[in-house]
Amino acid sequence: MSYEIVAVRTSNTFTQSESDIEQVKLSDGSVETKAQVVKYIDQDMEYYFTASNGSHAVVETVHPAYSDPYIRTVANRTTRDNLLSLPRF
């Protein structure tokens, strides 16, 4: 099953880092924490968001050695389709 992320909540209003995302809002209006999304993606659930050009940007987890896991979009050649381009809630 796939879940579309439509907005994010960050710990810092002017953040430049996807690691500062604390919660996401899904297209059905539900809200999930970063920890929940990490857990579900690691269990093979798919999360994505629709970029401004209409393409789907897939979300992946990152597990740094010395900090908490976080979510980000799969790397490509543009920053226009990263999670921080989504509206805040």
PDB file of N, CA and C in Angstrom:
ATOM      1  N   MET A   1       0.835  -1.172   0.000  1.00  0.00           N
ATOM      2  CA  MET A   1       0.000   0.000   0.000  1.00  0.00           C
ATOM      3  C   MET A   1       0.888   1.247   0.000  1.00  0.00           C
ATOM      4  N   SER A   2       0.439   2.292  -0.654  1.00  0.00           N
ATOM      5  CA  SER A   2       1.199   3.537  -0.751  1.00  0.00           C
ATOM      6  C   SER A   2       0.476   4.655  -0.016  1.00  0.00           C
ATOM      7  N   TYR A   3       1.265   5.525   0.598  1.00  0.00           N
ATOM      8  CA  TYR A   3       0.725   6.643   1.355  1.00  0.00           C
ATOM      9  C   TYR A   3       1.330   7.939   0.827  1.00  0.00           C
ATOM     10  N   GLU A   4       0.471   8.901   0.517  1.00  0.00           N
ATOM     11  CA  GLU A   4       0.943  10.177  -0.013  1.00  0.00           C
ATOM     12  C   GLU A   4       1.093  11.195   1.108  1.00  0.00           C
ATOM     13  N   ILE A   5       2.280  11.765   1.238  1.00  0.00           N
ATOM     14  CA  ILE A   5       2.546  12.830   2.201  1.00  0.00           C
ATOM     15  C   ILE A   5       2.208  14.157   1.526  1.00  0.00           C
ATOM     16  N   VAL A   6       1.384  14.984   2.205  1.00  0.00           N
ATOM     17  CA  VAL A   6       0.961  16.249   1.602  1.00  0.00           C
ATOM     18  C   VAL A   6       1.471  17.477   2.361  1.00  0.00           C
ATOM     19  N   ALA A   7       1.979  17.281   3.589  1.00  0.00           N
ATOM     20  CA  ALA A   7       2.508  18.401   4.384  1.00  0.00           C
ATOM     21  C   ALA A   7       3.440  17.846   5.448  1.00  0.00           C
ATOM     22  N   VAL A   8       4.311  18.711   5.963  1.00  0.00           N
ATOM     23  CA  VAL A   8       5.253  18.306   7.012  1.00  0.00           C
ATOM     24  C   VAL A   8       5.248  19.314   8.160  1.00  0.00           C
ATOM     25  N   ARG A   9       5.622  18.835   9.333  1.00  0.00           N
ATOM     26  CA  ARG A   9       5.849  19.710  10.495  1.00  0.00           C
ATOM     27  C   ARG A   9       7.298  19.506  10.906  1.00  0.00           C
ATOM     28  N   THR A  10       8.013  20.614  11.065  1.00  0.00           N
ATOM     29  CA  THR A  10       9.429  20.546  11.420  1.00  0.00           C
ATOM     30  C   THR A  10       9.673  21.130  12.804  1.00  0.00           C
ATOM     31  N   SER A  11      10.822  20.795  13.363  1.00  0.00           N
ATOM     32  CA  SER A  11      11.191  21.314  14.686  1.00  0.00           C
ATOM     33  C   SER A  11      11.672  22.755  14.608  1.00  0.00           C
ATOM     34  N   ASN A  12      12.041  23.201  13.419  1.00  0.00           N
ATOM     35  CA  ASN A  12      12.558  24.546  13.214  1.00  0.00           C
ATOM     36  C   ASN A  12      11.872  25.130  11.979  1.00  0.00           C
ATOM     37  N   THR A  13      11.250  26.271  12.110  1.00  0.00           N
ATOM     38  CA  THR A  13      10.491  26.882  11.020  1.00  0.00           C
ATOM     39  C   THR A  13      11.328  27.098   9.766  1.00  0.00           C
ATOM     40  N   PHE A  14      12.571  27.477   9.918  1.00  0.00           N
ATOM     41  CA  PHE A  14      13.416  27.817   8.772  1.00  0.00           C
ATOM     42  C   PHE A  14      14.442  26.731   8.461  1.00  0.00           C
ATOM     43  N   THR A  15      14.104  25.499   8.739  1.00  0.00           N
ATOM     44  CA  THR A  15      15.041  24.395   8.563  1.00  0.00           C
ATOM     45  C   THR A  15      15.429  24.180   7.106  1.00  0.00           C
ATOM     46  N   GLN A  16      16.620  23.700   6.908  1.00  0.00           N
ATOM     47  CA  GLN A  16      17.114  23.314   5.591  1.00  0.00           C
ATOM     48  C   GLN A  16      17.419  21.813   5.549  1.00  0.00           C
ATOM     49  N   SER A  17      17.045  21.097   6.611  1.00  0.00           N
ATOM     50  CA  SER A  17      17.402  19.692   6.722  1.00  0.00           C
ATOM     51  C   SER A  17      16.170  18.813   6.912  1.00  0.00           C
ATOM     52  N   GLU A  18      16.056  17.796   6.070  1.00  0.00           N
ATOM     53  CA  GLU A  18      14.933  16.869   6.210  1.00  0.00           C
ATOM     54  C   GLU A  18      14.983  16.116   7.536  1.00  0.00           C
ATOM     55  N   SER A  19      16.116  16.067   8.187  1.00  0.00           N
ATOM     56  CA  SER A  19      16.199  15.397   9.491  1.00  0.00           C
ATOM     57  C   SER A  19      15.411  16.146  10.563  1.00  0.00           C
ATOM     58  N   ASP A  20      15.024  17.403  10.303  1.00  0.00           N
ATOM     59  CA  ASP A  20      14.227  18.180  11.264  1.00  0.00           C
ATOM     60  C   ASP A  20      12.723  17.940  11.136  1.00  0.00           C
ATOM     61  N   ILE A  21      12.307  17.108  10.204  1.00  0.00           N
ATOM     62  CA  ILE A  21      10.887  16.787  10.072  1.00  0.00           C
ATOM     63  C   ILE A  21      10.461  15.953  11.274  1.00  0.00           C
ATOM     64  N   GLU A  22       9.382  16.378  11.947  1.00  0.00           N
ATOM     65  CA  GLU A  22       8.879  15.664  13.120  1.00  0.00           C
ATOM     66  C   GLU A  22       7.597  14.889  12.849  1.00  0.00           C
ATOM     67  N   GLN A  23       6.752  15.418  11.956  1.00  0.00           N
ATOM     68  CA  GLN A  23       5.490  14.767  11.630  1.00  0.00           C
ATOM     69  C   GLN A  23       5.176  14.994  10.160  1.00  0.00           C
ATOM     70  N   VAL A  24       4.331  14.120   9.625  1.00  0.00           N
ATOM     71  CA  VAL A  24       3.843  14.283   8.262  1.00  0.00           C
ATOM     72  C   VAL A  24       2.327  14.182   8.265  1.00  0.00           C
ATOM     73  N   LYS A  25       1.700  14.895   7.337  1.00  0.00           N
ATOM     74  CA  LYS A  25       0.260  14.773   7.143  1.00  0.00           C
ATOM     75  C   LYS A  25       0.053  14.014   5.844  1.00  0.00           C
ATOM     76  N   LEU A  26      -0.829  13.009   5.897  1.00  0.00           N
ATOM     77  CA  LEU A  26      -1.116  12.193   4.730  1.00  0.00           C
ATOM     78  C   LEU A  26      -2.336  12.728   3.985  1.00  0.00           C
ATOM     79  N   SER A  27      -2.527  12.258   2.774  1.00  0.00           N
ATOM     80  CA  SER A  27      -3.616  12.756   1.928  1.00  0.00           C
ATOM     81  C   SER A  27      -4.995  12.495   2.527  1.00  0.00           C
ATOM     82  N   ASP A  28      -5.117  11.516   3.416  1.00  0.00           N
ATOM     83  CA  ASP A  28      -6.416  11.259   4.053  1.00  0.00           C
ATOM     84  C   ASP A  28      -6.640  12.128   5.290  1.00  0.00           C
ATOM     85  N   GLY A  29      -5.681  13.031   5.586  1.00  0.00           N
ATOM     86  CA  GLY A  29      -5.795  13.938   6.719  1.00  0.00           C
ATOM     87  C   GLY A  29      -5.167  13.427   8.003  1.00  0.00           C
ATOM     88  N   SER A  30      -4.759  12.169   8.032  1.00  0.00           N
ATOM     89  CA  SER A  30      -4.128  11.637   9.247  1.00  0.00           C
ATOM     90  C   SER A  30      -2.703  12.178   9.388  1.00  0.00           C
ATOM     91  N   VAL A  31      -2.228  12.186  10.625  1.00  0.00           N
ATOM     92  CA  VAL A  31      -0.894  12.686  10.942  1.00  0.00           C
ATOM     93  C   VAL A  31      -0.088  11.545  11.547  1.00  0.00           C
ATOM     94  N   GLU A  32       1.138  11.381  11.096  1.00  0.00           N
ATOM     95  CA  GLU A  32       2.041  10.361  11.626  1.00  0.00           C
ATOM     96  C   GLU A  32       3.349  11.012  12.046  1.00  0.00           C
ATOM     97  N   THR A  33       3.955  10.461  13.080  1.00  0.00           N
ATOM     98  CA  THR A  33       5.249  10.953  13.538  1.00  0.00           C
ATOM     99  C   THR A  33       6.350  10.428  12.621  1.00  0.00           C
ATOM    100  N   LYS A  34       7.486  11.081  12.696  1.00  0.00           N
ATOM    101  CA  LYS A  34       8.656  10.625  11.939  1.00  0.00           C
ATOM    102  C   LYS A  34       8.991   9.185  12.305  1.00  0.00           C
ATOM    103  N   ALA A  35       8.926   8.852  13.599  1.00  0.00           N
ATOM    104  CA  ALA A  35       9.255   7.498  14.049  1.00  0.00           C
ATOM    105  C   ALA A  35       8.304   6.465  13.439  1.00  0.00           C
ATOM    106  N   GLN A  36       7.022   6.804  13.346  1.00  0.00           N
ATOM    107  CA  GLN A  36       6.064   5.880  12.738  1.00  0.00           C
ATOM    108  C   GLN A  36       6.379   5.666  11.262  1.00  0.00           C
ATOM    109  N   VAL A  37       6.651   6.739  10.548  1.00  0.00           N
ATOM    110  CA  VAL A  37       6.937   6.634   9.118  1.00  0.00           C
ATOM    111  C   VAL A  37       8.207   5.819   8.893  1.00  0.00           C
ATOM    112  N   VAL A  38       9.230   6.059   9.692  1.00  0.00           N
ATOM    113  CA  VAL A  38      10.471   5.278   9.582  1.00  0.00           C
ATOM    114  C   VAL A  38      10.158   3.799   9.776  1.00  0.00           C
ATOM    115  N   LYS A  39       9.417   3.489  10.805  1.00  0.00           N
ATOM    116  CA  LYS A  39       9.065   2.088  11.101  1.00  0.00           C
ATOM    117  C   LYS A  39       8.310   1.455   9.936  1.00  0.00           C
ATOM    118  N   TYR A  40       7.307   2.158   9.403  1.00  0.00           N
ATOM    119  CA  TYR A  40       6.491   1.602   8.332  1.00  0.00           C
ATOM    120  C   TYR A  40       7.277   1.440   7.035  1.00  0.00           C
ATOM    121  N   ILE A  41       8.114   2.409   6.698  1.00  0.00           N
ATOM    122  CA  ILE A  41       8.939   2.274   5.490  1.00  0.00           C
ATOM    123  C   ILE A  41       9.901   1.100   5.646  1.00  0.00           C
ATOM    124  N   ASP A  42      10.485   0.956   6.831  1.00  0.00           N
ATOM    125  CA  ASP A  42      11.404  -0.165   7.070  1.00  0.00           C
ATOM    126  C   ASP A  42      10.685  -1.516   7.032  1.00  0.00           C
ATOM    127  N   GLN A  43       9.357  -1.494   7.155  1.00  0.00           N
ATOM    128  CA  GLN A  43       8.548  -2.712   7.030  1.00  0.00           C
ATOM    129  C   GLN A  43       7.977  -2.850   5.609  1.00  0.00           C
ATOM    130  N   ASP A  44       8.575  -2.126   4.665  1.00  0.00           N
ATOM    131  CA  ASP A  44       8.249  -2.202   3.239  1.00  0.00           C
ATOM    132  C   ASP A  44       6.957  -1.504   2.830  1.00  0.00           C
ATOM    133  N   MET A  45       6.455  -0.586   3.637  1.00  0.00           N
ATOM    134  CA  MET A  45       5.345   0.252   3.179  1.00  0.00           C
ATOM    135  C   MET A  45       5.951   1.376   2.352  1.00  0.00           C
ATOM    136  N   GLU A  46       5.186   1.914   1.422  1.00  0.00           N
ATOM    137  CA  GLU A  46       5.702   2.959   0.541  1.00  0.00           C
ATOM    138  C   GLU A  46       5.057   4.308   0.866  1.00  0.00           C
ATOM    139  N   TYR A  47       5.899   5.312   0.978  1.00  0.00           N
ATOM    140  CA  TYR A  47       5.457   6.690   1.160  1.00  0.00           C
ATOM    141  C   TYR A  47       6.028   7.503   0.007  1.00  0.00           C
ATOM    142  N   TYR A  48       5.268   8.479  -0.433  1.00  0.00           N
ATOM    143  CA  TYR A  48       5.701   9.335  -1.537  1.00  0.00           C
ATOM    144  C   TYR A  48       5.007  10.681  -1.403  1.00  0.00           C
ATOM    145  N   PHE A  49       5.408  11.621  -2.207  1.00  0.00           N
ATOM    146  CA  PHE A  49       4.622  12.831  -2.371  1.00  0.00           C
ATOM    147  C   PHE A  49       4.665  13.220  -3.833  1.00  0.00           C
ATOM    148  N   THR A  50       3.693  14.008  -4.228  1.00  0.00           N
ATOM    149  CA  THR A  50       3.598  14.432  -5.613  1.00  0.00           C
ATOM    150  C   THR A  50       4.308  15.766  -5.766  1.00  0.00           C
ATOM    151  N   ALA A  51       5.339  15.771  -6.589  1.00  0.00           N
ATOM    152  CA  ALA A  51       6.136  16.977  -6.817  1.00  0.00           C
ATOM    153  C   ALA A  51       5.356  17.956  -7.689  1.00  0.00           C
ATOM    154  N   SER A  52       5.839  19.178  -7.765  1.00  0.00           N
ATOM    155  CA  SER A  52       5.153  20.232  -8.520  1.00  0.00           C
ATOM    156  C   SER A  52       4.984  19.892  -9.995  1.00  0.00           C
ATOM    157  N   ASN A  53       5.832  19.055 -10.539  1.00  0.00           N
ATOM    158  CA  ASN A  53       5.715  18.670 -11.951  1.00  0.00           C
ATOM    159  C   ASN A  53       4.808  17.454 -12.150  1.00  0.00           C
ATOM    160  N   GLY A  54       4.185  16.971 -11.053  1.00  0.00           N
ATOM    161  CA  GLY A  54       3.264  15.841 -11.139  1.00  0.00           C
ATOM    162  C   GLY A  54       3.897  14.483 -10.933  1.00  0.00           C
ATOM    163  N   SER A  55       5.211  14.420 -10.834  1.00  0.00           N
ATOM    164  CA  SER A  55       5.873  13.131 -10.624  1.00  0.00           C
ATOM    165  C   SER A  55       5.830  12.749  -9.148  1.00  0.00           C
ATOM    166  N   HIS A  56       5.966  11.454  -8.900  1.00  0.00           N
ATOM    167  CA  HIS A  56       6.005  10.973  -7.529  1.00  0.00           C
ATOM    168  C   HIS A  56       7.451  10.916  -7.051  1.00  0.00           C
ATOM    169  N   ALA A  57       7.694  11.466  -5.871  1.00  0.00           N
ATOM    170  CA  ALA A  57       9.010  11.399  -5.242  1.00  0.00           C
ATOM    171  C   ALA A  57       8.908  10.389  -4.100  1.00  0.00           C
ATOM    172  N   VAL A  58       9.672   9.334  -4.176  1.00  0.00           N
ATOM    173  CA  VAL A  58       9.639   8.267  -3.177  1.00  0.00           C
ATOM    174  C   VAL A  58      10.392   8.693  -1.926  1.00  0.00           C
ATOM    175  N   VAL A  59       9.856   8.326  -0.774  1.00  0.00           N
ATOM    176  CA  VAL A  59      10.468   8.658   0.513  1.00  0.00           C
ATOM    177  C   VAL A  59      11.206   7.420   1.031  1.00  0.00           C
ATOM    178  N   GLU A  60      12.396   7.645   1.577  1.00  0.00           N
ATOM    179  CA  GLU A  60      13.204   6.563   2.140  1.00  0.00           C
ATOM    180  C   GLU A  60      13.624   6.926   3.551  1.00  0.00           C
ATOM    181  N   THR A  61      14.135   5.938   4.273  1.00  0.00           N
ATOM    182  CA  THR A  61      14.644   6.191   5.625  1.00  0.00           C
ATOM    183  C   THR A  61      16.162   6.298   5.600  1.00  0.00           C
ATOM    184  N   VAL A  62      16.681   7.035   6.565  1.00  0.00           N
ATOM    185  CA  VAL A  62      18.119   7.183   6.755  1.00  0.00           C
ATOM    186  C   VAL A  62      18.391   6.839   8.214  1.00  0.00           C
ATOM    187  N   HIS A  63      19.393   6.007   8.441  1.00  0.00           N
ATOM    188  CA  HIS A  63      19.747   5.575   9.794  1.00  0.00           C
ATOM    189  C   HIS A  63      21.193   5.964  10.109  1.00  0.00           C
ATOM    190  N   PRO A  64      21.419   7.232  10.534  1.00  0.00           N
ATOM    191  CA  PRO A  64      22.776   7.662  10.872  1.00  0.00           C
ATOM    192  C   PRO A  64      23.309   6.890  12.084  1.00  0.00           C
ATOM    193  N   ALA A  65      24.602   6.755  12.149  1.00  0.00           N
ATOM    194  CA  ALA A  65      25.218   5.999  13.248  1.00  0.00           C
ATOM    195  C   ALA A  65      25.008   6.647  14.613  1.00  0.00           C
ATOM    196  N   TYR A  66      25.013   7.986  14.661  1.00  0.00           N
ATOM    197  CA  TYR A  66      25.003   8.644  15.972  1.00  0.00           C
ATOM    198  C   TYR A  66      23.831   9.584  16.187  1.00  0.00           C
ATOM    199  N   SER A  67      22.722   9.365  15.478  1.00  0.00           N
ATOM    200  CA  SER A  67      21.520  10.160  15.723  1.00  0.00           C
ATOM    201  C   SER A  67      20.292   9.349  15.314  1.00  0.00           C
ATOM    202  N   ASP A  68      19.123   9.906  15.581  1.00  0.00           N
ATOM    203  CA  ASP A  68      17.876   9.212  15.293  1.00  0.00           C
ATOM    204  C   ASP A  68      17.653   9.074  13.789  1.00  0.00           C
ATOM    205  N   PRO A  69      16.966   8.004  13.395  1.00  0.00           N
ATOM    206  CA  PRO A  69      16.634   7.854  11.982  1.00  0.00           C
ATOM    207  C   PRO A  69      15.693   8.967  11.521  1.00  0.00           C
ATOM    208  N   TYR A  70      15.708   9.243  10.225  1.00  0.00           N
ATOM    209  CA  TYR A  70      14.815  10.250   9.673  1.00  0.00           C
ATOM    210  C   TYR A  70      14.404   9.842   8.269  1.00  0.00           C
ATOM    211  N   ILE A  71      13.536  10.652   7.660  1.00  0.00           N
ATOM    212  CA  ILE A  71      13.046  10.363   6.318  1.00  0.00           C
ATOM    213  C   ILE A  71      13.507  11.443   5.348  1.00  0.00           C
ATOM    214  N   ARG A  72      13.631  11.048   4.085  1.00  0.00           N
ATOM    215  CA  ARG A  72      13.993  11.991   3.030  1.00  0.00           C
ATOM    216  C   ARG A  72      13.531  11.393   1.709  1.00  0.00           C
ATOM    217  N   THR A  73      13.579  12.193   0.672  1.00  0.00           N
ATOM    218  CA  THR A  73      13.260  11.667  -0.653  1.00  0.00           C
ATOM    219  C   THR A  73      14.489  10.971  -1.220  1.00  0.00           C
ATOM    220  N   VAL A  74      14.219  10.025  -2.085  1.00  0.00           N
ATOM    221  CA  VAL A  74      15.313   9.333  -2.766  1.00  0.00           C
ATOM    222  C   VAL A  74      16.062  10.368  -3.607  1.00  0.00           C
ATOM    223  N   ALA A  75      17.369  10.355  -3.519  1.00  0.00           N
ATOM    224  CA  ALA A  75      18.203  11.353  -4.194  1.00  0.00           C
ATOM    225  C   ALA A  75      18.032  11.310  -5.707  1.00  0.00           C
ATOM    226  N   ASN A  76      17.972  12.517  -6.275  1.00  0.00           N
ATOM    227  CA  ASN A  76      17.987  12.666  -7.731  1.00  0.00           C
ATOM    228  C   ASN A  76      18.687  13.979  -8.061  1.00  0.00           C
ATOM    229  N   ARG A  77      18.475  14.498  -9.242  1.00  0.00           N
ATOM    230  CA  ARG A  77      19.239  15.673  -9.667  1.00  0.00           C
ATOM    231  C   ARG A  77      18.615  17.015  -9.303  1.00  0.00           C
ATOM    232  N   THR A  78      17.538  17.031  -8.538  1.00  0.00           N
ATOM    233  CA  THR A  78      16.892  18.298  -8.219  1.00  0.00           C
ATOM    234  C   THR A  78      16.477  18.358  -6.758  1.00  0.00           C
ATOM    235  N   THR A  79      16.429  19.554  -6.212  1.00  0.00           N
ATOM    236  CA  THR A  79      15.948  19.727  -4.837  1.00  0.00           C
ATOM    237  C   THR A  79      14.496  20.172  -4.818  1.00  0.00           C
ATOM    238  N   ARG A  80      13.883  20.374  -6.001  1.00  0.00           N
ATOM    239  CA  ARG A  80      12.493  20.825  -6.054  1.00  0.00           C
ATOM    240  C   ARG A  80      11.528  19.781  -5.528  1.00  0.00           C
ATOM    241  N   ASP A  81      11.937  18.534  -5.484  1.00  0.00           N
ATOM    242  CA  ASP A  81      11.027  17.492  -5.032  1.00  0.00           C
ATOM    243  C   ASP A  81      11.471  16.879  -3.703  1.00  0.00           C
ATOM    244  N   ASN A  82      11.998  17.713  -2.813  1.00  0.00           N
ATOM    245  CA  ASN A  82      12.300  17.170  -1.498  1.00  0.00           C
ATOM    246  C   ASN A  82      11.153  17.482  -0.538  1.00  0.00           C
ATOM    247  N   LEU A  83      11.114  16.786   0.573  1.00  0.00           N
ATOM    248  CA  LEU A  83      10.014  16.912   1.518  1.00  0.00           C
ATOM    249  C   LEU A  83       9.842  18.342   2.042  1.00  0.00           C
ATOM    250  N   LEU A  84      10.914  19.092   2.105  1.00  0.00           N
ATOM    251  CA  LEU A  84      10.818  20.456   2.636  1.00  0.00           C
ATOM    252  C   LEU A  84      10.137  21.419   1.654  1.00  0.00           C
ATOM    253  N   SER A  85       9.862  20.967   0.443  1.00  0.00           N
ATOM    254  CA  SER A  85       9.117  21.807  -0.494  1.00  0.00           C
ATOM    255  C   SER A  85       7.607  21.725  -0.245  1.00  0.00           C
ATOM    256  N   LEU A  86       7.192  20.810   0.628  1.00  0.00           N
ATOM    257  CA  LEU A  86       5.772  20.660   0.936  1.00  0.00           C
ATOM    258  C   LEU A  86       5.302  21.742   1.910  1.00  0.00           C
ATOM    259  N   PRO A  87       3.979  21.997   1.929  1.00  0.00           N
ATOM    260  CA  PRO A  87       3.446  22.970   2.909  1.00  0.00           C
ATOM    261  C   PRO A  87       3.694  22.497   4.338  1.00  0.00           C
ATOM    262  N   ARG A  88       3.732  23.451   5.259  1.00  0.00           N
ATOM    263  CA  ARG A  88       3.857  23.134   6.686  1.00  0.00           C
ATOM    264  C   ARG A  88       2.465  23.117   7.311  1.00  0.00           C
ATOM    265  N   PHE A  89       2.317  22.363   8.379  1.00  0.00           N
ATOM    266  CA  PHE A  89       1.059  22.360   9.119  1.00  0.00           C
ATOM    267  C   PHE A  89       1.322  22.471  10.599  1.00  0.00           C
TER     268      PHE A  89
END
